[in-house]
Amino acid sequence: MAQNKYLFCAFIIFLSLFFVLTKSSIPCKTRTQCPEKMCRLPKFVWCIDGSCVCA
């Protein structure tokens, strides 16, 4: 049973690394397609080169 817990933790770590390394982003064509609460103030959400970015 303990082995399953370690396997699950390893899976979560590798999945997180995969998302970080592939630079997953939210695709967009206009700024209105980006989520409003994506960035903390004072930054605002912008659609740059087809993906939502905090700037």
PDB file of N, CA and C in Angstrom:
ATOM      1  N   MET A   1       0.816  -1.194   0.000  1.00  0.00           N
ATOM      2  CA  MET A   1       0.000   0.000   0.000  1.00  0.00           C
ATOM      3  C   MET A   1       0.862   1.261   0.000  1.00  0.00           C
ATOM      4  N   ALA A   2       1.944   1.239   0.757  1.00  0.00           N
ATOM      5  CA  ALA A   2       2.836   2.399   0.796  1.00  0.00           C
ATOM      6  C   ALA A   2       3.489   2.627  -0.560  1.00  0.00           C
ATOM      7  N   GLN A   3       3.715   1.550  -1.283  1.00  0.00           N
ATOM      8  CA  GLN A   3       4.337   1.678  -2.596  1.00  0.00           C
ATOM      9  C   GLN A   3       3.407   2.433  -3.556  1.00  0.00           C
ATOM     10  N   ASN A   4       2.107   2.215  -3.430  1.00  0.00           N
ATOM     11  CA  ASN A   4       1.151   2.934  -4.276  1.00  0.00           C
ATOM     12  C   ASN A   4       1.185   4.431  -3.993  1.00  0.00           C
ATOM     13  N   LYS A   5       1.358   4.797  -2.727  1.00  0.00           N
ATOM     14  CA  LYS A   5       1.413   6.212  -2.361  1.00  0.00           C
ATOM     15  C   LYS A   5       2.637   6.874  -2.988  1.00  0.00           C
ATOM     16  N   TYR A   6       3.784   6.219  -2.948  1.00  0.00           N
ATOM     17  CA  TYR A   6       4.998   6.772  -3.554  1.00  0.00           C
ATOM     18  C   TYR A   6       4.867   6.859  -5.071  1.00  0.00           C
ATOM     19  N   LEU A   7       4.232   5.877  -5.671  1.00  0.00           N
ATOM     20  CA  LEU A   7       4.018   5.894  -7.110  1.00  0.00           C
ATOM     21  C   LEU A   7       3.110   7.064  -7.498  1.00  0.00           C
ATOM     22  N   PHE A   8       2.075   7.289  -6.717  1.00  0.00           N
ATOM     23  CA  PHE A   8       1.165   8.403  -6.976  1.00  0.00           C
ATOM     24  C   PHE A   8       1.886   9.744  -6.834  1.00  0.00           C
ATOM     25  N   CYS A   9       2.695   9.896  -5.802  1.00  0.00           N
ATOM     26  CA  CYS A   9       3.457  11.140  -5.603  1.00  0.00           C
ATOM     27  C   CYS A   9       4.430  11.373  -6.752  1.00  0.00           C
ATOM     28  N   ALA A  10       5.093  10.327  -7.195  1.00  0.00           N
ATOM     29  CA  ALA A  10       6.023  10.452  -8.319  1.00  0.00           C
ATOM     30  C   ALA A  10       5.276  10.863  -9.588  1.00  0.00           C
ATOM     31  N   PHE A  11       4.091  10.308  -9.787  1.00  0.00           N
ATOM     32  CA  PHE A  11       3.283  10.659 -10.951  1.00  0.00           C
ATOM     33  C   PHE A  11       2.912  12.144 -10.924  1.00  0.00           C
ATOM     34  N   ILE A  12       2.509  12.647  -9.766  1.00  0.00           N
ATOM     35  CA  ILE A  12       2.143  14.060  -9.629  1.00  0.00           C
ATOM     36  C   ILE A  12       3.347  14.955  -9.920  1.00  0.00           C
ATOM     37  N   ILE A  13       4.511  14.579  -9.419  1.00  0.00           N
ATOM     38  CA  ILE A  13       5.719  15.379  -9.648  1.00  0.00           C
ATOM     39  C   ILE A  13       6.069  15.416 -11.130  1.00  0.00           C
ATOM     40  N   PHE A  14       6.043  14.266 -11.801  1.00  0.00           N
ATOM     41  CA  PHE A  14       6.369  14.232 -13.225  1.00  0.00           C
ATOM     42  C   PHE A  14       5.329  14.978 -14.054  1.00  0.00           C
ATOM     43  N   LEU A  15       4.072  14.897 -13.663  1.00  0.00           N
ATOM     44  CA  LEU A  15       3.035  15.623 -14.380  1.00  0.00           C
ATOM     45  C   LEU A  15       3.234  17.131 -14.233  1.00  0.00           C
ATOM     46  N   SER A  16       3.580  17.576 -13.041  1.00  0.00           N
ATOM     47  CA  SER A  16       3.853  18.996 -12.813  1.00  0.00           C
ATOM     48  C   SER A  16       5.040  19.467 -13.642  1.00  0.00           C
ATOM     49  N   LEU A  17       6.097  18.680 -13.657  1.00  0.00           N
ATOM     50  CA  LEU A  17       7.268  19.037 -14.461  1.00  0.00           C
ATOM     51  C   LEU A  17       6.929  19.108 -15.944  1.00  0.00           C
ATOM     52  N   PHE A  18       6.087  18.204 -16.402  1.00  0.00           N
ATOM     53  CA  PHE A  18       5.677  18.208 -17.802  1.00  0.00           C
ATOM     54  C   PHE A  18       4.984  19.520 -18.155  1.00  0.00           C
ATOM     55  N   PHE A  19       4.061  19.961 -17.294  1.00  0.00           N
ATOM     56  CA  PHE A  19       3.347  21.207 -17.572  1.00  0.00           C
ATOM     57  C   PHE A  19       4.274  22.413 -17.519  1.00  0.00           C
ATOM     58  N   VAL A  20       5.224  22.411 -16.623  1.00  0.00           N
ATOM     59  CA  VAL A  20       6.161  23.534 -16.527  1.00  0.00           C
ATOM     60  C   VAL A  20       7.079  23.570 -17.739  1.00  0.00           C
ATOM     61  N   LEU A  21       7.584  22.427 -18.138  1.00  0.00           N
ATOM     62  CA  LEU A  21       8.540  22.383 -19.243  1.00  0.00           C
ATOM     63  C   LEU A  21       7.893  22.639 -20.596  1.00  0.00           C
ATOM     64  N   THR A  22       6.639  22.274 -20.759  1.00  0.00           N
ATOM     65  CA  THR A  22       5.975  22.523 -22.036  1.00  0.00           C
ATOM     66  C   THR A  22       5.371  23.917 -22.092  1.00  0.00           C
ATOM     67  N   LYS A  23       5.483  24.660 -20.980  1.00  0.00           N
ATOM     68  CA  LYS A  23       4.979  26.038 -20.905  1.00  0.00           C
ATOM     69  C   LYS A  23       3.517  26.108 -21.331  1.00  0.00           C
ATOM     70  N   SER A  24       2.685  25.283 -20.717  1.00  0.00           N
ATOM     71  CA  SER A  24       1.261  25.285 -21.024  1.00  0.00           C
ATOM     72  C   SER A  24       0.696  26.682 -20.819  1.00  0.00           C
ATOM     73  N   SER A  25      -0.143  27.090 -21.731  1.00  0.00           N
ATOM     74  CA  SER A  25      -0.738  28.415 -21.624  1.00  0.00           C
ATOM     75  C   SER A  25      -2.172  28.355 -22.130  1.00  0.00           C
ATOM     76  N   ILE A  26      -2.889  29.420 -21.909  1.00  0.00           N
ATOM     77  CA  ILE A  26      -4.279  29.510 -22.338  1.00  0.00           C
ATOM     78  C   ILE A  26      -4.300  30.192 -23.704  1.00  0.00           C
ATOM     79  N   PRO A  27      -4.767  29.501 -24.741  1.00  0.00           N
ATOM     80  CA  PRO A  27      -4.797  30.114 -26.074  1.00  0.00           C
ATOM     81  C   PRO A  27      -5.871  31.200 -26.164  1.00  0.00           C
ATOM     82  N   CYS A  28      -5.607  32.211 -26.997  1.00  0.00           N
ATOM     83  CA  CYS A  28      -6.570  33.309 -27.169  1.00  0.00           C
ATOM     84  C   CYS A  28      -6.333  33.991 -28.512  1.00  0.00           C
ATOM     85  N   LYS A  29      -7.344  34.730 -28.930  1.00  0.00           N
ATOM     86  CA  LYS A  29      -7.215  35.590 -30.105  1.00  0.00           C
ATOM     87  C   LYS A  29      -7.393  37.050 -29.713  1.00  0.00           C
ATOM     88  N   THR A  30      -8.201  37.287 -28.671  1.00  0.00           N
ATOM     89  CA  THR A  30      -8.398  38.638 -28.152  1.00  0.00           C
ATOM     90  C   THR A  30      -8.259  38.612 -26.637  1.00  0.00           C
ATOM     91  N   ARG A  31      -8.086  39.782 -26.051  1.00  0.00           N
ATOM     92  CA  ARG A  31      -7.900  39.891 -24.597  1.00  0.00           C
ATOM     93  C   ARG A  31      -9.129  39.413 -23.826  1.00  0.00           C
ATOM     94  N   THR A  32     -10.307  39.538 -24.415  1.00  0.00           N
ATOM     95  CA  THR A  32     -11.539  39.152 -23.730  1.00  0.00           C
ATOM     96  C   THR A  32     -11.659  37.641 -23.540  1.00  0.00           C
ATOM     97  N   GLN A  33     -10.890  36.855 -24.265  1.00  0.00           N
ATOM     98  CA  GLN A  33     -10.922  35.400 -24.128  1.00  0.00           C
ATOM     99  C   GLN A  33     -10.078  34.906 -22.956  1.00  0.00           C
ATOM    100  N   CYS A  34      -9.301  35.778 -22.339  1.00  0.00           N
ATOM    101  CA  CYS A  34      -8.460  35.402 -21.200  1.00  0.00           C
ATOM    102  C   CYS A  34      -9.258  35.518 -19.906  1.00  0.00           C
ATOM    103  N   PRO A  35      -8.976  34.662 -18.913  1.00  0.00           N
ATOM    104  CA  PRO A  35      -9.677  34.762 -17.633  1.00  0.00           C
ATOM    105  C   PRO A  35      -9.353  36.073 -16.926  1.00  0.00           C
ATOM    106  N   GLU A  36     -10.356  36.663 -16.300  1.00  0.00           N
ATOM    107  CA  GLU A  36     -10.177  37.966 -15.652  1.00  0.00           C
ATOM    108  C   GLU A  36      -9.267  37.883 -14.435  1.00  0.00           C
ATOM    109  N   LYS A  37      -9.370  36.821 -13.667  1.00  0.00           N
ATOM    110  CA  LYS A  37      -8.627  36.713 -12.409  1.00  0.00           C
ATOM    111  C   LYS A  37      -7.352  35.882 -12.559  1.00  0.00           C
ATOM    112  N   MET A  38      -6.734  35.947 -13.708  1.00  0.00           N
ATOM    113  CA  MET A  38      -5.519  35.173 -13.959  1.00  0.00           C
ATOM    114  C   MET A  38      -4.302  35.805 -13.290  1.00  0.00           C
ATOM    115  N   CYS A  39      -4.257  37.127 -13.198  1.00  0.00           N
ATOM    116  CA  CYS A  39      -3.086  37.843 -12.681  1.00  0.00           C
ATOM    117  C   CYS A  39      -3.424  38.586 -11.399  1.00  0.00           C
ATOM    118  N   ARG A  40      -2.399  38.774 -10.582  1.00  0.00           N
ATOM    119  CA  ARG A  40      -2.550  39.608  -9.388  1.00  0.00           C
ATOM    120  C   ARG A  40      -2.241  41.054  -9.756  1.00  0.00           C
ATOM    121  N   LEU A  41      -2.881  41.962  -9.037  1.00  0.00           N
ATOM    122  CA  LEU A  41      -2.597  43.383  -9.261  1.00  0.00           C
ATOM    123  C   LEU A  41      -1.165  43.681  -8.872  1.00  0.00           C
ATOM    124  N   PRO A  42      -0.461  44.519  -9.522  1.00  0.00           N
ATOM    125  CA  PRO A  42      -0.818  45.522 -10.515  1.00  0.00           C
ATOM    126  C   PRO A  42      -0.744  45.017 -11.952  1.00  0.00           C
ATOM    127  N   LYS A  43      -0.563  43.726 -12.173  1.00  0.00           N
ATOM    128  CA  LYS A  43      -0.463  43.207 -13.541  1.00  0.00           C
ATOM    129  C   LYS A  43      -1.854  42.978 -14.127  1.00  0.00           C
ATOM    130  N   PHE A  44      -1.939  43.056 -15.453  1.00  0.00           N
ATOM    131  CA  PHE A  44      -3.181  42.838 -16.166  1.00  0.00           C
ATOM    132  C   PHE A  44      -2.987  41.730 -17.195  1.00  0.00           C
ATOM    133  N   VAL A  45      -4.086  41.103 -17.593  1.00  0.00           N
ATOM    134  CA  VAL A  45      -4.048  40.016 -18.573  1.00  0.00           C
ATOM    135  C   VAL A  45      -4.055  40.600 -19.980  1.00  0.00           C
ATOM    136  N   TRP A  46      -3.177  40.090 -20.822  1.00  0.00           N
ATOM    137  CA  TRP A  46      -3.110  40.492 -22.223  1.00  0.00           C
ATOM    138  C   TRP A  46      -2.997  39.252 -23.090  1.00  0.00           C
ATOM    139  N   CYS A  47      -3.491  39.343 -24.310  1.00  0.00           N
ATOM    140  CA  CYS A  47      -3.344  38.267 -25.285  1.00  0.00           C
ATOM    141  C   CYS A  47      -2.160  38.635 -26.177  1.00  0.00           C
ATOM    142  N   ILE A  48      -1.046  37.930 -25.981  1.00  0.00           N
ATOM    143  CA  ILE A  48       0.176  38.213 -26.732  1.00  0.00           C
ATOM    144  C   ILE A  48       0.613  36.947 -27.454  1.00  0.00           C
ATOM    145  N   ASP A  49       0.783  37.050 -28.759  1.00  0.00           N
ATOM    146  CA  ASP A  49       1.204  35.929 -29.608  1.00  0.00           C
ATOM    147  C   ASP A  49       0.316  34.702 -29.434  1.00  0.00           C
ATOM    148  N   GLY A  50      -0.976  34.907 -29.248  1.00  0.00           N
ATOM    149  CA  GLY A  50      -1.922  33.801 -29.186  1.00  0.00           C
ATOM    150  C   GLY A  50      -2.046  33.111 -27.845  1.00  0.00           C
ATOM    151  N   SER A  51      -1.486  33.689 -26.776  1.00  0.00           N
ATOM    152  CA  SER A  51      -1.648  33.094 -25.449  1.00  0.00           C
ATOM    153  C   SER A  51      -1.824  34.192 -24.407  1.00  0.00           C
ATOM    154  N   CYS A  52      -2.549  33.864 -23.342  1.00  0.00           N
ATOM    155  CA  CYS A  52      -2.814  34.830 -22.271  1.00  0.00           C
ATOM    156  C   CYS A  52      -1.565  34.993 -21.418  1.00  0.00           C
ATOM    157  N   VAL A  53      -1.195  36.258 -21.172  1.00  0.00           N
ATOM    158  CA  VAL A  53       0.030  36.571 -20.445  1.00  0.00           C
ATOM    159  C   VAL A  53      -0.263  37.669 -19.430  1.00  0.00           C
ATOM    160  N   CYS A  54       0.378  37.585 -18.262  1.00  0.00           N
ATOM    161  CA  CYS A  54       0.290  38.662 -17.271  1.00  0.00           C
ATOM    162  C   CYS A  54       1.380  39.684 -17.572  1.00  0.00           C
ATOM    163  N   ALA A  55       0.994  40.926 -17.755  1.00  0.00           N
ATOM    164  CA  ALA A  55       1.978  41.982 -18.052  1.00  0.00           C
ATOM    165  C   ALA A  55       1.600  43.263 -17.355  1.00  0.00           C
TER     166      ALA A  55
END
